[in-house]
Amino acid sequence: MITKRRCPHTGVVNFYENAEPLLAVGSVSTGTKPAHYIWRSYLEDRVAGVAGDIAIAEAHLRDAIARAQHPHHVAGHP
């Protein structure tokens, strides 16, 4: 299971696995342009992207984490 916590100082939303609650596996931060949210996976694949909505950025990050944890997983399918 993935949990998230927002840093009160930077506003960055960090994502953690329950097994390692102190080691972030990804994050979503606000970009320099309005309505740009940058998501980054810190797992082996180290994928990243930009979305116009924070909820969409978080969904992309969760999909990237799921793909890294389960390489044969197809987004939207169990």
PDB file of N, CA and C in Angstrom:
ATOM      1  N   MET A   1       0.837  -1.171   0.000  1.00  0.00           N
ATOM      2  CA  MET A   1       0.000   0.000   0.000  1.00  0.00           C
ATOM      3  C   MET A   1       0.889   1.244   0.000  1.00  0.00           C
ATOM      4  N   ILE A   2       0.451   2.258  -0.724  1.00  0.00           N
ATOM      5  CA  ILE A   2       1.188   3.511  -0.827  1.00  0.00           C
ATOM      6  C   ILE A   2       0.482   4.575   0.006  1.00  0.00           C
ATOM      7  N   THR A   3       1.253   5.316   0.787  1.00  0.00           N
ATOM      8  CA  THR A   3       0.714   6.441   1.543  1.00  0.00           C
ATOM      9  C   THR A   3       1.399   7.713   1.070  1.00  0.00           C
ATOM     10  N   LYS A   4       0.791   8.854   1.376  1.00  0.00           N
ATOM     11  CA  LYS A   4       1.392  10.120   0.972  1.00  0.00           C
ATOM     12  C   LYS A   4       1.349  11.097   2.133  1.00  0.00           C
ATOM     13  N   ARG A   5       2.354  11.987   2.148  1.00  0.00           N
ATOM     14  CA  ARG A   5       2.432  13.047   3.154  1.00  0.00           C
ATOM     15  C   ARG A   5       2.954  14.303   2.482  1.00  0.00           C
ATOM     16  N   ARG A   6       2.319  15.422   2.775  1.00  0.00           N
ATOM     17  CA  ARG A   6       2.752  16.716   2.240  1.00  0.00           C
ATOM     18  C   ARG A   6       3.717  17.357   3.232  1.00  0.00           C
ATOM     19  N   CYS A   7       4.855  17.822   2.727  1.00  0.00           N
ATOM     20  CA  CYS A   7       5.818  18.533   3.567  1.00  0.00           C
ATOM     21  C   CYS A   7       5.257  19.930   3.851  1.00  0.00           C
ATOM     22  N   PRO A   8       5.133  20.310   5.111  1.00  0.00           N
ATOM     23  CA  PRO A   8       4.566  21.622   5.429  1.00  0.00           C
ATOM     24  C   PRO A   8       5.479  22.785   5.036  1.00  0.00           C
ATOM     25  N   HIS A   9       6.746  22.518   4.815  1.00  0.00           N
ATOM     26  CA  HIS A   9       7.712  23.570   4.482  1.00  0.00           C
ATOM     27  C   HIS A   9       7.844  23.798   2.978  1.00  0.00           C
ATOM     28  N   THR A  10       7.823  22.715   2.200  1.00  0.00           N
ATOM     29  CA  THR A  10       8.041  22.834   0.752  1.00  0.00           C
ATOM     30  C   THR A  10       6.770  22.643  -0.068  1.00  0.00           C
ATOM     31  N   GLY A  11       5.758  22.002   0.516  1.00  0.00           N
ATOM     32  CA  GLY A  11       4.537  21.700  -0.219  1.00  0.00           C
ATOM     33  C   GLY A  11       4.640  20.462  -1.093  1.00  0.00           C
ATOM     34  N   VAL A  12       5.802  19.821  -1.130  1.00  0.00           N
ATOM     35  CA  VAL A  12       6.001  18.602  -1.920  1.00  0.00           C
ATOM     36  C   VAL A  12       5.213  17.467  -1.272  1.00  0.00           C
ATOM     37  N   VAL A  13       4.520  16.701  -2.101  1.00  0.00           N
ATOM     38  CA  VAL A  13       3.788  15.529  -1.623  1.00  0.00           C
ATOM     39  C   VAL A  13       4.679  14.318  -1.882  1.00  0.00           C
ATOM     40  N   ASN A  14       5.120  13.663  -0.814  1.00  0.00           N
ATOM     41  CA  ASN A  14       5.970  12.483  -0.925  1.00  0.00           C
ATOM     42  C   ASN A  14       5.130  11.228  -0.743  1.00  0.00           C
ATOM     43  N   PHE A  15       5.480  10.179  -1.498  1.00  0.00           N
ATOM     44  CA  PHE A  15       4.766   8.911  -1.461  1.00  0.00           C
ATOM     45  C   PHE A  15       5.685   7.842  -0.879  1.00  0.00           C
ATOM     46  N   TYR A  16       5.116   6.997  -0.008  1.00  0.00           N
ATOM     47  CA  TYR A  16       5.873   5.979   0.714  1.00  0.00           C
ATOM     48  C   TYR A  16       5.171   4.629   0.637  1.00  0.00           C
ATOM     49  N   GLU A  17       5.978   3.563   0.691  1.00  0.00           N
ATOM     50  CA  GLU A  17       5.431   2.214   0.845  1.00  0.00           C
ATOM     51  C   GLU A  17       5.318   1.947   2.341  1.00  0.00           C
ATOM     52  N   ASN A  18       4.320   1.175   2.731  1.00  0.00           N
ATOM     53  CA  ASN A  18       4.161   0.860   4.156  1.00  0.00           C
ATOM     54  C   ASN A  18       5.379   0.157   4.736  1.00  0.00           C
ATOM     55  N   ALA A  19       6.050  -0.655   3.907  1.00  0.00           N
ATOM     56  CA  ALA A  19       7.226  -1.391   4.382  1.00  0.00           C
ATOM     57  C   ALA A  19       8.393  -0.463   4.714  1.00  0.00           C
ATOM     58  N   GLU A  20       8.476   0.695   4.081  1.00  0.00           N
ATOM     59  CA  GLU A  20       9.554   1.672   4.297  1.00  0.00           C
ATOM     60  C   GLU A  20       8.942   3.061   4.461  1.00  0.00           C
ATOM     61  N   PRO A  21       8.353   3.351   5.624  1.00  0.00           N
ATOM     62  CA  PRO A  21       7.622   4.612   5.787  1.00  0.00           C
ATOM     63  C   PRO A  21       8.484   5.874   5.839  1.00  0.00           C
ATOM     64  N   LEU A  22       9.794   5.743   5.835  1.00  0.00           N
ATOM     65  CA  LEU A  22      10.676   6.910   5.881  1.00  0.00           C
ATOM     66  C   LEU A  22      11.435   7.138   4.577  1.00  0.00           C
ATOM     67  N   LEU A  23      11.282   6.239   3.610  1.00  0.00           N
ATOM     68  CA  LEU A  23      12.001   6.340   2.343  1.00  0.00           C
ATOM     69  C   LEU A  23      10.998   6.563   1.206  1.00  0.00           C
ATOM     70  N   ALA A  24      10.967   7.778   0.673  1.00  0.00           N
ATOM     71  CA  ALA A  24      10.003   8.112  -0.378  1.00  0.00           C
ATOM     72  C   ALA A  24      10.292   7.321  -1.646  1.00  0.00           C
ATOM     73  N   VAL A  25       9.216   6.850  -2.292  1.00  0.00           N
ATOM     74  CA  VAL A  25       9.339   6.143  -3.569  1.00  0.00           C
ATOM     75  C   VAL A  25       8.944   7.051  -4.729  1.00  0.00           C
ATOM     76  N   GLY A  26       8.459   8.250  -4.405  1.00  0.00           N
ATOM     77  CA  GLY A  26       8.085   9.207  -5.432  1.00  0.00           C
ATOM     78  C   GLY A  26       7.577  10.490  -4.817  1.00  0.00           C
ATOM     79  N   SER A  27       7.354  11.490  -5.673  1.00  0.00           N
ATOM     80  CA  SER A  27       6.856  12.769  -5.173  1.00  0.00           C
ATOM     81  C   SER A  27       6.113  13.513  -6.267  1.00  0.00           C
ATOM     82  N   VAL A  28       5.293  14.475  -5.837  1.00  0.00           N
ATOM     83  CA  VAL A  28       4.621  15.414  -6.729  1.00  0.00           C
ATOM     84  C   VAL A  28       4.897  16.806  -6.181  1.00  0.00           C
ATOM     85  N   SER A  29       5.361  17.695  -7.055  1.00  0.00           N
ATOM     86  CA  SER A  29       5.642  19.066  -6.639  1.00  0.00           C
ATOM     87  C   SER A  29       5.046  20.042  -7.638  1.00  0.00           C
ATOM     88  N   THR A  30       4.903  21.289  -7.213  1.00  0.00           N
ATOM     89  CA  THR A  30       4.383  22.331  -8.085  1.00  0.00           C
ATOM     90  C   THR A  30       5.504  22.830  -8.971  1.00  0.00           C
ATOM     91  N   GLY A  31       5.234  22.946 -10.271  1.00  0.00           N
ATOM     92  CA  GLY A  31       6.224  23.444 -11.221  1.00  0.00           C
ATOM     93  C   GLY A  31       6.309  24.961 -11.185  1.00  0.00           C
ATOM     94  N   THR A  32       7.182  25.512 -12.005  1.00  0.00           N
ATOM     95  CA  THR A  32       7.369  26.964 -12.041  1.00  0.00           C
ATOM     96  C   THR A  32       6.247  27.667 -12.791  1.00  0.00           C
ATOM     97  N   LYS A  33       5.588  26.976 -13.706  1.00  0.00           N
ATOM     98  CA  LYS A  33       4.459  27.562 -14.427  1.00  0.00           C
ATOM     99  C   LYS A  33       3.179  27.242 -13.659  1.00  0.00           C
ATOM    100  N   PRO A  34       2.218  28.145 -13.664  1.00  0.00           N
ATOM    101  CA  PRO A  34       0.955  27.867 -12.970  1.00  0.00           C
ATOM    102  C   PRO A  34       0.299  26.596 -13.493  1.00  0.00           C
ATOM    103  N   ALA A  35      -0.307  25.863 -12.595  1.00  0.00           N
ATOM    104  CA  ALA A  35      -1.037  24.623 -12.915  1.00  0.00           C
ATOM    105  C   ALA A  35      -0.170  23.557 -13.552  1.00  0.00           C
ATOM    106  N   HIS A  36       1.114  23.518 -13.231  1.00  0.00           N
ATOM    107  CA  HIS A  36       1.983  22.419 -13.646  1.00  0.00           C
ATOM    108  C   HIS A  36       2.436  21.667 -12.407  1.00  0.00           C
ATOM    109  N   TYR A  37       2.193  20.390 -12.406  1.00  0.00           N
ATOM    110  CA  TYR A  37       2.593  19.528 -11.300  1.00  0.00           C
ATOM    111  C   TYR A  37       3.545  18.482 -11.839  1.00  0.00           C
ATOM    112  N   ILE A  38       4.704  18.397 -11.233  1.00  0.00           N
ATOM    113  CA  ILE A  38       5.762  17.487 -11.669  1.00  0.00           C
ATOM    114  C   ILE A  38       5.736  16.263 -10.772  1.00  0.00           C
ATOM    115  N   TRP A  39       5.632  15.089 -11.393  1.00  0.00           N
ATOM    116  CA  TRP A  39       5.673  13.848 -10.619  1.00  0.00           C
ATOM    117  C   TRP A  39       6.943  13.086 -10.964  1.00  0.00           C
ATOM    118  N   ARG A  40       7.501  12.438  -9.954  1.00  0.00           N
ATOM    119  CA  ARG A  40       8.762  11.696 -10.120  1.00  0.00           C
ATOM    120  C   ARG A  40       8.698  10.389  -9.336  1.00  0.00           C
ATOM    121  N   SER A  41       9.108   9.322  -9.982  1.00  0.00           N
ATOM    122  CA  SER A  41       9.267   8.038  -9.307  1.00  0.00           C
ATOM    123  C   SER A  41      10.747   7.883  -8.969  1.00  0.00           C
ATOM    124  N   TYR A  42      11.036   7.484  -7.746  1.00  0.00           N
ATOM    125  CA  TYR A  42      12.425   7.288  -7.323  1.00  0.00           C
ATOM    126  C   TYR A  42      12.838   5.821  -7.381  1.00  0.00           C
ATOM    127  N   LEU A  43      11.982   4.983  -7.927  1.00  0.00           N
ATOM    128  CA  LEU A  43      12.310   3.562  -8.042  1.00  0.00           C
ATOM    129  C   LEU A  43      13.278   3.357  -9.197  1.00  0.00           C
ATOM    130  N   GLU A  44      13.634   2.120  -9.477  1.00  0.00           N
ATOM    131  CA  GLU A  44      14.671   1.825 -10.474  1.00  0.00           C
ATOM    132  C   GLU A  44      14.422   2.459 -11.835  1.00  0.00           C
ATOM    133  N   ASP A  45      13.160   2.529 -12.269  1.00  0.00           N
ATOM    134  CA  ASP A  45      12.878   3.068 -13.596  1.00  0.00           C
ATOM    135  C   ASP A  45      13.022   4.586 -13.662  1.00  0.00           C
ATOM    136  N   ARG A  46      12.881   5.274 -12.540  1.00  0.00           N
ATOM    137  CA  ARG A  46      13.035   6.734 -12.421  1.00  0.00           C
ATOM    138  C   ARG A  46      12.294   7.508 -13.494  1.00  0.00           C
ATOM    139  N   VAL A  47      11.026   7.205 -13.667  1.00  0.00           N
ATOM    140  CA  VAL A  47      10.218   7.933 -14.636  1.00  0.00           C
ATOM    141  C   VAL A  47       9.665   9.200 -14.005  1.00  0.00           C
ATOM    142  N   ALA A  48       9.308  10.163 -14.845  1.00  0.00           N
ATOM    143  CA  ALA A  48       8.763  11.432 -14.372  1.00  0.00           C
ATOM    144  C   ALA A  48       7.849  12.006 -15.448  1.00  0.00           C
ATOM    145  N   GLY A  49       7.080  13.005 -15.067  1.00  0.00           N
ATOM    146  CA  GLY A  49       6.209  13.655 -16.025  1.00  0.00           C
ATOM    147  C   GLY A  49       5.603  14.917 -15.452  1.00  0.00           C
ATOM    148  N   VAL A  50       4.790  15.581 -16.260  1.00  0.00           N
ATOM    149  CA  VAL A  50       4.134  16.819 -15.868  1.00  0.00           C
ATOM    150  C   VAL A  50       2.649  16.682 -16.158  1.00  0.00           C
ATOM    151  N   ALA A  51       1.827  17.189 -15.262  1.00  0.00           N
ATOM    152  CA  ALA A  51       0.377  17.174 -15.457  1.00  0.00           C
ATOM    153  C   ALA A  51      -0.189  18.539 -15.077  1.00  0.00           C
ATOM    154  N   GLY A  52      -1.351  18.859 -15.603  1.00  0.00           N
ATOM    155  CA  GLY A  52      -1.987  20.136 -15.326  1.00  0.00           C
ATOM    156  C   GLY A  52      -2.840  20.144 -14.080  1.00  0.00           C
ATOM    157  N   ASP A  53      -2.965  18.988 -13.436  1.00  0.00           N
ATOM    158  CA  ASP A  53      -3.807  18.849 -12.255  1.00  0.00           C
ATOM    159  C   ASP A  53      -3.079  17.949 -11.260  1.00  0.00           C
ATOM    160  N   ILE A  54      -3.102  18.308  -9.984  1.00  0.00           N
ATOM    161  CA  ILE A  54      -2.355  17.520  -8.997  1.00  0.00           C
ATOM    162  C   ILE A  54      -2.914  16.101  -8.877  1.00  0.00           C
ATOM    163  N   ALA A  55      -4.227  15.937  -8.985  1.00  0.00           N
ATOM    164  CA  ALA A  55      -4.809  14.590  -8.889  1.00  0.00           C
ATOM    165  C   ALA A  55      -4.342  13.709 -10.040  1.00  0.00           C
ATOM    166  N   ILE A  56      -4.236  14.276 -11.227  1.00  0.00           N
ATOM    167  CA  ILE A  56      -3.751  13.517 -12.382  1.00  0.00           C
ATOM    168  C   ILE A  56      -2.276  13.172 -12.208  1.00  0.00           C
ATOM    169  N   ALA A  57      -1.487  14.120 -11.700  1.00  0.00           N
ATOM    170  CA  ALA A  57      -0.068  13.854 -11.448  1.00  0.00           C
ATOM    171  C   ALA A  57       0.086  12.717 -10.443  1.00  0.00           C
ATOM    172  N   GLU A  58      -0.721  12.733  -9.381  1.00  0.00           N
ATOM    173  CA  GLU A  58      -0.661  11.664  -8.383  1.00  0.00           C
ATOM    174  C   GLU A  58      -1.066  10.327  -8.991  1.00  0.00           C
ATOM    175  N   ALA A  59      -2.065  10.319  -9.860  1.00  0.00           N
ATOM    176  CA  ALA A  59      -2.493   9.074 -10.510  1.00  0.00           C
ATOM    177  C   ALA A  59      -1.389   8.527 -11.411  1.00  0.00           C
ATOM    178  N   HIS A  60      -0.716   9.401 -12.160  1.00  0.00           N
ATOM    179  CA  HIS A  60       0.395   8.955 -13.009  1.00  0.00           C
ATOM    180  C   HIS A  60       1.521   8.364 -12.147  1.00  0.00           C
ATOM    181  N   LEU A  61       1.806   9.007 -11.034  1.00  0.00           N
ATOM    182  CA  LEU A  61       2.858   8.501 -10.146  1.00  0.00           C
ATOM    183  C   LEU A  61       2.472   7.142  -9.581  1.00  0.00           C
ATOM    184  N   ARG A  62       1.249   6.994  -9.123  1.00  0.00           N
ATOM    185  CA  ARG A  62       0.811   5.700  -8.580  1.00  0.00           C
ATOM    186  C   ARG A  62       0.896   4.595  -9.640  1.00  0.00           C
ATOM    187  N   ASP A  63       0.526   4.921 -10.884  1.00  0.00           N
ATOM    188  CA  ASP A  63       0.655   3.949 -11.979  1.00  0.00           C
ATOM    189  C   ASP A  63       2.119   3.576 -12.205  1.00  0.00           C
ATOM    190  N   ALA A  64       3.009   4.566 -12.187  1.00  0.00           N
ATOM    191  CA  ALA A  64       4.444   4.299 -12.390  1.00  0.00           C
ATOM    192  C   ALA A  64       4.990   3.424 -11.268  1.00  0.00           C
ATOM    193  N   ILE A  65       4.570   3.688 -10.042  1.00  0.00           N
ATOM    194  CA  ILE A  65       5.017   2.872  -8.907  1.00  0.00           C
ATOM    195  C   ILE A  65       4.510   1.448  -9.060  1.00  0.00           C
ATOM    196  N   ALA A  66       3.246   1.289  -9.442  1.00  0.00           N
ATOM    197  CA  ALA A  66       2.675  -0.053  -9.637  1.00  0.00           C
ATOM    198  C   ALA A  66       3.414  -0.805 -10.738  1.00  0.00           C
ATOM    199  N   ARG A  67       3.737  -0.119 -11.848  1.00  0.00           N
ATOM    200  CA  ARG A  67       4.472  -0.774 -12.941  1.00  0.00           C
ATOM    201  C   ARG A  67       5.867  -1.196 -12.483  1.00  0.00           C
ATOM    202  N   ALA A  68       6.515  -0.375 -11.681  1.00  0.00           N
ATOM    203  CA  ALA A  68       7.860  -0.713 -11.198  1.00  0.00           C
ATOM    204  C   ALA A  68       7.815  -1.897 -10.229  1.00  0.00           C
ATOM    205  N   GLN A  69       6.770  -1.951  -9.417  1.00  0.00           N
ATOM    206  CA  GLN A  69       6.648  -3.032  -8.440  1.00  0.00           C
ATOM    207  C   GLN A  69       6.168  -4.331  -9.086  1.00  0.00           C
ATOM    208  N   HIS A  70       5.372  -4.218 -10.148  1.00  0.00           N
ATOM    209  CA  HIS A  70       4.796  -5.368 -10.835  1.00  0.00           C
ATOM    210  C   HIS A  70       4.989  -5.155 -12.330  1.00  0.00           C
ATOM    211  N   PRO A  71       6.152  -5.485 -12.877  1.00  0.00           N
ATOM    212  CA  PRO A  71       6.475  -5.166 -14.274  1.00  0.00           C
ATOM    213  C   PRO A  71       5.462  -5.653 -15.305  1.00  0.00           C
ATOM    214  N   HIS A  72       4.681  -6.677 -15.008  1.00  0.00           N
ATOM    215  CA  HIS A  72       3.726  -7.190 -15.993  1.00  0.00           C
ATOM    216  C   HIS A  72       2.339  -6.607 -15.776  1.00  0.00           C
ATOM    217  N   HIS A  73       2.217  -5.686 -14.823  1.00  0.00           N
ATOM    218  CA  HIS A  73       0.927  -5.046 -14.523  1.00  0.00           C
ATOM    219  C   HIS A  73       0.567  -4.055 -15.616  1.00  0.00           C
ATOM    220  N   VAL A  74      -0.668  -4.084 -16.051  1.00  0.00           N
ATOM    221  CA  VAL A  74      -1.168  -3.126 -17.033  1.00  0.00           C
ATOM    222  C   VAL A  74      -2.078  -2.168 -16.298  1.00  0.00           C
ATOM    223  N   ALA A  75      -1.841  -0.854 -16.410  1.00  0.00           N
ATOM    224  CA  ALA A  75      -2.644   0.147 -15.707  1.00  0.00           C
ATOM    225  C   ALA A  75      -4.118  -0.058 -16.011  1.00  0.00           C
ATOM    226  N   GLY A  76      -4.950   0.014 -14.971  1.00  0.00           N
ATOM    227  CA  GLY A  76      -6.384  -0.144 -15.144  1.00  0.00           C
ATOM    228  C   GLY A  76      -6.854  -1.584 -15.127  1.00  0.00           C
ATOM    229  N   HIS A  77      -5.938  -2.540 -15.012  1.00  0.00           N
ATOM    230  CA  HIS A  77      -6.309  -3.960 -14.963  1.00  0.00           C
ATOM    231  C   HIS A  77      -5.720  -4.566 -13.702  1.00  0.00           C
ATOM    232  N   PRO A  78      -6.482  -5.436 -13.026  1.00  0.00           N
ATOM    233  CA  PRO A  78      -5.984  -6.059 -11.784  1.00  0.00           C
ATOM    234  C   PRO A  78      -4.818  -6.995 -12.004  1.00  0.00           C
TER     235      PRO A  78
END
